[in-house]
């Protein structure tokens, strides 16, 4: 009875979490009259791809294609994941393997940075981006997102690196492996699950962020997908069909990215040792 109750509770939570996504996808296939007058019907009576065609054809946003926004988001997200992952792995290794002054202070500051609300940093970061000459460039977003992703990534990877026995590295060193070989063949495979988890976090941050993208970008051709979504919201009316279609397209890359890396994420720490 206890297991059945837990399973039922899990199914209810899953249904509650999945329902908005199902409603979003279903609404993207509804006709405009059906969206406003169809009532609380979860699935479309007459499915249509008109909203997707309107988005991809560029009719709703003159002069800029939706694929351009998609490309900009991919560039920013991939660059953020690669740069933050590399820096976080090196920093986590240094914090876990070496003892130096202000080490504890550095770890505490990582947590303090996470407590600062994003709205409080918009103006200081905007002034810094202007002085660096990065205003209205995708590089400004990459730099900002890397800064926000690093504290969480370093803190999480620190636990993975600390869990790797030092004896493995010492044994490899005795066998004649260089530090680079130890890092690549011993430490990296064991820390890979944590690196995947932090990559997912960094990707989601860079893919969904709106405030800084709306502040740092001026040219429409450089807009990312979250900024492009604002075009569908007017003062007196909202194009709910295109909004749902664009939201569905915005969700797909995150889902695909998670499906690609989820096996490594749940692989466990011992997988790297067996493969090494």
Protein backbone atom coordinates (compact mmCIF):
# COMPACT_ATOMS: atom_id res chain seq x y z
CA UNK A 1 0.00 0.00 0.00
CA UNK A 2 2.82 2.39 0.81
CA UNK A 3 4.55 1.73 -2.51
CA UNK A 4 1.28 2.14 -4.40
CA UNK A 5 0.61 5.44 -2.67
CA UNK A 6 4.11 6.70 -3.52
CA UNK A 7 3.71 5.63 -7.14
CA UNK A 8 0.34 7.37 -7.35
CA UNK A 9 1.80 10.54 -5.86
CA UNK A 10 4.67 10.40 -8.35
CA UNK A 11 2.25 10.02 -11.25
CA UNK A 12 0.20 13.00 -10.02
CA UNK A 13 3.31 15.17 -9.74
CA UNK A 14 4.48 14.09 -13.19
CA UNK A 15 1.05 14.81 -14.70
CA UNK A 16 0.99 18.23 -13.04
CA UNK A 17 4.45 19.02 -14.48
CA UNK A 18 3.76 17.67 -17.98
CA UNK A 19 0.26 19.15 -18.43
CA UNK A 20 1.41 22.73 -19.32
CA UNK A 21 3.82 21.33 -21.91
CA UNK A 22 1.12 19.14 -23.46
CA UNK A 23 -1.26 22.11 -23.53
CA UNK A 24 1.40 24.29 -25.18
CA UNK A 25 2.12 21.75 -27.93
CA UNK A 26 -1.57 21.05 -28.52
CA UNK A 27 -2.43 24.76 -28.72
CA UNK A 28 0.30 25.31 -31.30
CA UNK A 29 -1.64 23.04 -33.67
CA UNK A 30 -5.03 24.70 -33.10
CA UNK A 31 -6.55 27.25 -35.45
CA UNK A 32 -6.93 30.80 -34.16
CA UNK A 33 -10.75 30.60 -33.79
CA UNK A 34 -10.38 27.32 -31.92
CA UNK A 35 -7.85 28.81 -29.50
CA UNK A 36 -10.23 31.60 -28.44
CA UNK A 37 -13.59 29.84 -28.75
CA UNK A 38 -12.81 26.17 -28.45
CA UNK A 39 -13.21 26.01 -24.67
CA UNK A 40 -11.05 23.91 -22.36
CA UNK A 41 -10.32 21.23 -24.99
CA UNK A 42 -6.78 19.87 -24.56
CA UNK A 43 -6.33 18.61 -28.14
CA UNK A 44 -7.06 20.37 -31.46
CA UNK A 45 -10.16 19.33 -33.40
CA UNK A 46 -8.69 20.47 -36.71
CA UNK A 47 -4.85 20.34 -36.47
CA UNK A 48 -2.98 22.90 -38.54
CA UNK A 49 0.65 23.90 -39.15
CA UNK A 50 -0.28 27.49 -40.01
CA UNK A 51 1.39 28.94 -36.91
CA UNK A 52 4.64 27.12 -37.58
CA UNK A 53 4.63 28.22 -41.22
CA UNK A 54 3.99 31.82 -40.17
CA UNK A 55 6.97 31.74 -37.79
CA UNK A 56 9.45 30.00 -40.07
CA UNK A 57 8.49 32.06 -43.13
CA UNK A 58 9.31 35.33 -41.37
CA UNK A 59 5.89 36.90 -41.99
CA UNK A 60 5.39 37.84 -38.34
CA UNK A 61 8.78 39.56 -37.91
CA UNK A 62 9.61 41.46 -41.12
CA UNK A 63 13.24 41.52 -42.18
CA UNK A 64 14.47 38.76 -39.84
CA UNK A 65 13.97 35.01 -40.08
CA UNK A 66 13.09 32.91 -37.07
CA UNK A 67 16.01 30.67 -38.03
CA UNK A 68 18.36 33.63 -37.46
CA UNK A 69 17.15 33.87 -33.86
CA UNK A 70 17.59 30.12 -33.52
CA UNK A 71 21.16 30.34 -34.83
CA UNK A 72 22.04 33.14 -32.41
CA UNK A 73 20.69 31.16 -29.46
CA UNK A 74 22.65 28.07 -30.50
CA UNK A 75 25.89 30.06 -30.80
CA UNK A 76 25.43 31.67 -27.38
CA UNK A 77 24.36 28.46 -25.63
CA UNK A 78 27.12 26.25 -27.09
CA UNK A 79 29.82 28.83 -26.39
CA UNK A 80 28.58 29.22 -22.81
CA UNK A 81 28.56 25.46 -22.20
CA UNK A 82 32.06 24.92 -23.60
CA UNK A 83 33.74 27.88 -21.89
CA UNK A 84 32.03 27.48 -18.50
CA UNK A 85 32.63 23.72 -18.50
CA UNK A 86 36.35 24.08 -19.20
CA UNK A 87 36.93 26.83 -16.64
CA UNK A 88 34.75 25.14 -14.00
CA UNK A 89 36.57 21.82 -14.35
CA UNK A 90 39.97 23.46 -13.93
CA UNK A 91 38.77 25.56 -10.98
CA UNK A 92 37.09 22.59 -9.28
CA UNK A 93 40.27 20.55 -9.64
CA UNK A 94 42.34 23.35 -8.11
CA UNK A 95 39.94 23.80 -5.18
CA UNK A 96 39.70 20.06 -4.47
CA UNK A 97 43.31 18.98 -4.98
CA UNK A 98 45.34 21.96 -3.72
CA UNK A 99 45.47 23.90 -0.48
CA UNK A 100 46.00 27.64 -0.78
CA UNK A 101 45.18 30.84 1.06
CA UNK A 102 41.58 32.12 0.95
CA UNK A 103 40.41 28.76 -0.40
CA UNK A 104 37.43 28.66 1.98
CA UNK A 105 36.66 32.32 1.26
CA UNK A 106 36.58 31.53 -2.46
CA UNK A 107 34.07 28.72 -1.90
CA UNK A 108 31.86 30.94 0.26
CA UNK A 109 31.92 33.68 -2.38
CA UNK A 110 30.64 31.16 -4.92
CA UNK A 111 27.50 30.76 -2.82
CA UNK A 112 27.16 34.48 -2.13
CA UNK A 113 27.21 35.28 -5.85
CA UNK A 114 24.27 32.93 -6.38
CA UNK A 115 22.20 34.90 -3.85
CA UNK A 116 22.38 38.20 -5.75
CA UNK A 117 19.22 38.83 -7.82
CA UNK A 118 19.76 39.27 -11.54
CA UNK A 119 17.85 42.55 -11.65
CA UNK A 120 20.43 44.16 -9.35
CA UNK A 121 23.23 43.38 -11.80
CA UNK A 122 21.69 44.62 -15.05
CA UNK A 123 22.96 48.22 -14.85
CA UNK A 124 26.51 47.41 -13.59
CA UNK A 125 26.95 44.71 -16.21
CA UNK A 126 25.53 46.99 -18.91
CA UNK A 127 28.12 49.67 -18.08
CA UNK A 128 30.89 47.08 -18.03
CA UNK A 129 29.81 45.67 -21.41
CA UNK A 130 29.81 49.16 -22.91
CA UNK A 131 33.32 49.89 -21.64
CA UNK A 132 34.58 46.61 -23.06
CA UNK A 133 33.10 47.48 -26.45
CA UNK A 134 30.87 44.39 -26.49
CA UNK A 135 27.49 46.12 -26.59
CA UNK A 136 25.15 44.71 -29.22
CA UNK A 137 27.26 41.60 -29.73
CA UNK A 138 26.64 37.96 -28.90
CA UNK A 139 29.93 37.98 -27.00
CA UNK A 140 28.34 40.16 -24.31
CA UNK A 141 25.76 37.44 -23.63
CA UNK A 142 28.37 34.67 -23.63
CA UNK A 143 30.52 36.58 -21.13
CA UNK A 144 27.52 37.26 -18.88
CA UNK A 145 26.12 33.73 -18.97
CA UNK A 146 29.53 32.20 -18.29
CA UNK A 147 29.80 34.42 -15.23
CA UNK A 148 26.44 33.25 -13.92
CA UNK A 149 27.03 29.58 -14.73
CA UNK A 150 30.50 29.27 -13.21
CA UNK A 151 29.63 29.49 -9.46
CA UNK A 152 27.15 26.61 -9.66
CA UNK A 153 29.39 24.61 -12.00
CA UNK A 154 32.51 24.99 -9.82
CA UNK A 155 30.64 24.16 -6.63
CA UNK A 156 29.04 21.06 -8.14
CA UNK A 157 32.16 19.76 -9.89
CA UNK A 158 34.17 20.25 -6.71
CA UNK A 159 32.23 17.41 -5.11
CA UNK A 160 32.84 15.12 -8.08
CA UNK A 161 36.55 15.84 -8.16
CA UNK A 162 36.88 15.37 -4.40
CA UNK A 163 35.16 11.96 -4.68
CA UNK A 164 37.85 10.65 -7.04
CA UNK A 165 40.49 8.80 -4.98
CA UNK A 166 43.88 10.43 -5.12
CA UNK A 167 45.41 6.94 -5.18
CA UNK A 168 44.23 6.50 -8.79
CA UNK A 169 46.23 9.52 -9.89
CA UNK A 170 49.25 8.47 -7.83
CA UNK A 171 49.17 4.97 -9.34
CA UNK A 172 49.02 6.42 -12.85
CA UNK A 173 51.94 8.73 -12.03
CA UNK A 174 54.00 5.76 -10.81
CA UNK A 175 53.26 4.00 -14.12
CA UNK A 176 54.80 6.93 -15.94
CA UNK A 177 51.71 8.94 -16.93
CA UNK A 178 52.15 12.69 -17.25
CA UNK A 179 49.86 15.18 -15.52
CA UNK A 180 48.01 15.81 -18.77
CA UNK A 181 47.49 12.06 -19.29
CA UNK A 182 46.28 11.66 -15.71
CA UNK A 183 43.86 14.52 -16.20
CA UNK A 184 42.57 13.19 -19.51
CA UNK A 185 42.45 9.44 -18.81
CA UNK A 186 41.74 9.29 -15.07
CA UNK A 187 40.11 12.44 -13.75
CA UNK A 188 38.06 13.54 -16.76
CA UNK A 189 36.15 10.23 -17.27
CA UNK A 190 35.29 10.05 -13.57
CA UNK A 191 34.09 13.65 -13.41
CA UNK A 192 32.18 13.44 -16.72
CA UNK A 193 28.74 12.83 -15.08
CA UNK A 194 29.10 16.02 -13.06
CA UNK A 195 30.35 17.91 -16.08
CA UNK A 196 27.27 16.80 -18.00
CA UNK A 197 24.97 17.97 -15.20
CA UNK A 198 26.60 21.39 -15.08
CA UNK A 199 26.48 21.59 -18.88
CA UNK A 200 22.71 21.10 -18.78
CA UNK A 201 22.39 23.92 -16.25
CA UNK A 202 24.61 26.23 -18.32
CA UNK A 203 22.72 25.40 -21.50
CA UNK A 204 19.34 26.14 -19.93
CA UNK A 205 20.60 29.44 -18.48
CA UNK A 206 21.96 30.59 -21.84
CA UNK A 207 19.00 29.30 -23.84
CA UNK A 208 16.13 30.76 -21.79
CA UNK A 209 17.56 34.03 -20.42
CA UNK A 210 15.70 37.20 -21.49
CA UNK A 211 16.61 40.22 -19.33
CA UNK A 212 20.27 40.57 -20.32
CA UNK A 213 19.63 39.60 -23.95
CA UNK A 214 16.97 42.32 -24.17
CA UNK A 215 19.30 44.86 -22.54
CA UNK A 216 22.60 44.12 -24.28
CA UNK A 217 21.29 43.65 -27.84
CA UNK A 218 19.95 46.36 -30.12
CA UNK A 219 20.15 44.93 -33.64
CA UNK A 220 17.23 42.61 -34.39
CA UNK A 221 19.46 40.32 -36.44
CA UNK A 222 21.36 39.45 -33.23
CA UNK A 223 18.32 38.72 -31.07
CA UNK A 224 18.05 35.34 -29.40
CA UNK A 225 14.88 33.25 -29.27
CA UNK A 226 13.58 34.55 -25.89
CA UNK A 227 13.83 38.14 -27.18
CA UNK A 228 12.10 37.14 -30.42
CA UNK A 229 9.19 35.83 -28.36
CA UNK A 230 8.40 39.37 -27.21
CA UNK A 231 7.37 40.29 -30.78
CA UNK A 232 4.23 38.19 -30.40
CA UNK A 233 2.97 40.15 -27.39
CA UNK A 234 1.26 43.41 -28.32
CA UNK A 235 -0.27 46.11 -26.19
CA UNK A 236 -3.84 45.16 -27.05
CA UNK A 237 -3.52 41.65 -28.43
CA UNK A 238 -1.36 38.55 -28.22
CA UNK A 239 -0.79 36.08 -31.03
CA UNK A 240 -1.26 32.98 -28.90
CA UNK A 241 -0.94 30.55 -31.80
CA UNK A 242 2.54 31.77 -32.83
CA UNK A 243 3.51 32.10 -29.15
CA UNK A 244 2.75 28.44 -28.52
CA UNK A 245 4.42 27.34 -31.74
CA UNK A 246 7.55 29.38 -30.97
CA UNK A 247 7.58 28.09 -27.39
CA UNK A 248 7.44 24.53 -28.68
CA UNK A 249 10.38 25.16 -31.00
CA UNK A 250 12.20 26.87 -28.12
CA UNK A 251 11.75 23.79 -25.93
CA UNK A 252 12.89 21.17 -28.43
CA UNK A 253 16.67 21.92 -28.36
CA UNK A 254 16.76 21.70 -24.56
CA UNK A 255 14.94 18.36 -24.69
CA UNK A 256 17.22 17.03 -27.42
CA UNK A 257 20.33 18.18 -25.54
CA UNK A 258 19.15 16.45 -22.37
CA UNK A 259 18.35 13.20 -24.22
CA UNK A 260 21.82 13.19 -25.76
CA UNK A 261 23.68 13.62 -22.47
CA UNK A 262 21.32 11.94 -20.00
CA UNK A 263 23.06 8.56 -20.29
CA UNK A 264 26.36 10.10 -19.21
CA UNK A 265 24.59 12.01 -16.47
CA UNK A 266 23.27 8.87 -14.77
CA UNK A 267 26.29 6.73 -15.62
CA UNK A 268 27.85 7.12 -12.19
CA UNK A 269 31.38 7.77 -11.10
CA UNK A 270 32.54 4.16 -11.44
CA UNK A 271 31.91 4.08 -15.22
CA UNK A 272 34.94 6.21 -15.93
CA UNK A 273 37.20 3.99 -13.80
CA UNK A 274 36.06 0.85 -15.64
CA UNK A 275 36.60 2.44 -19.04
CA UNK A 276 39.97 3.88 -18.04
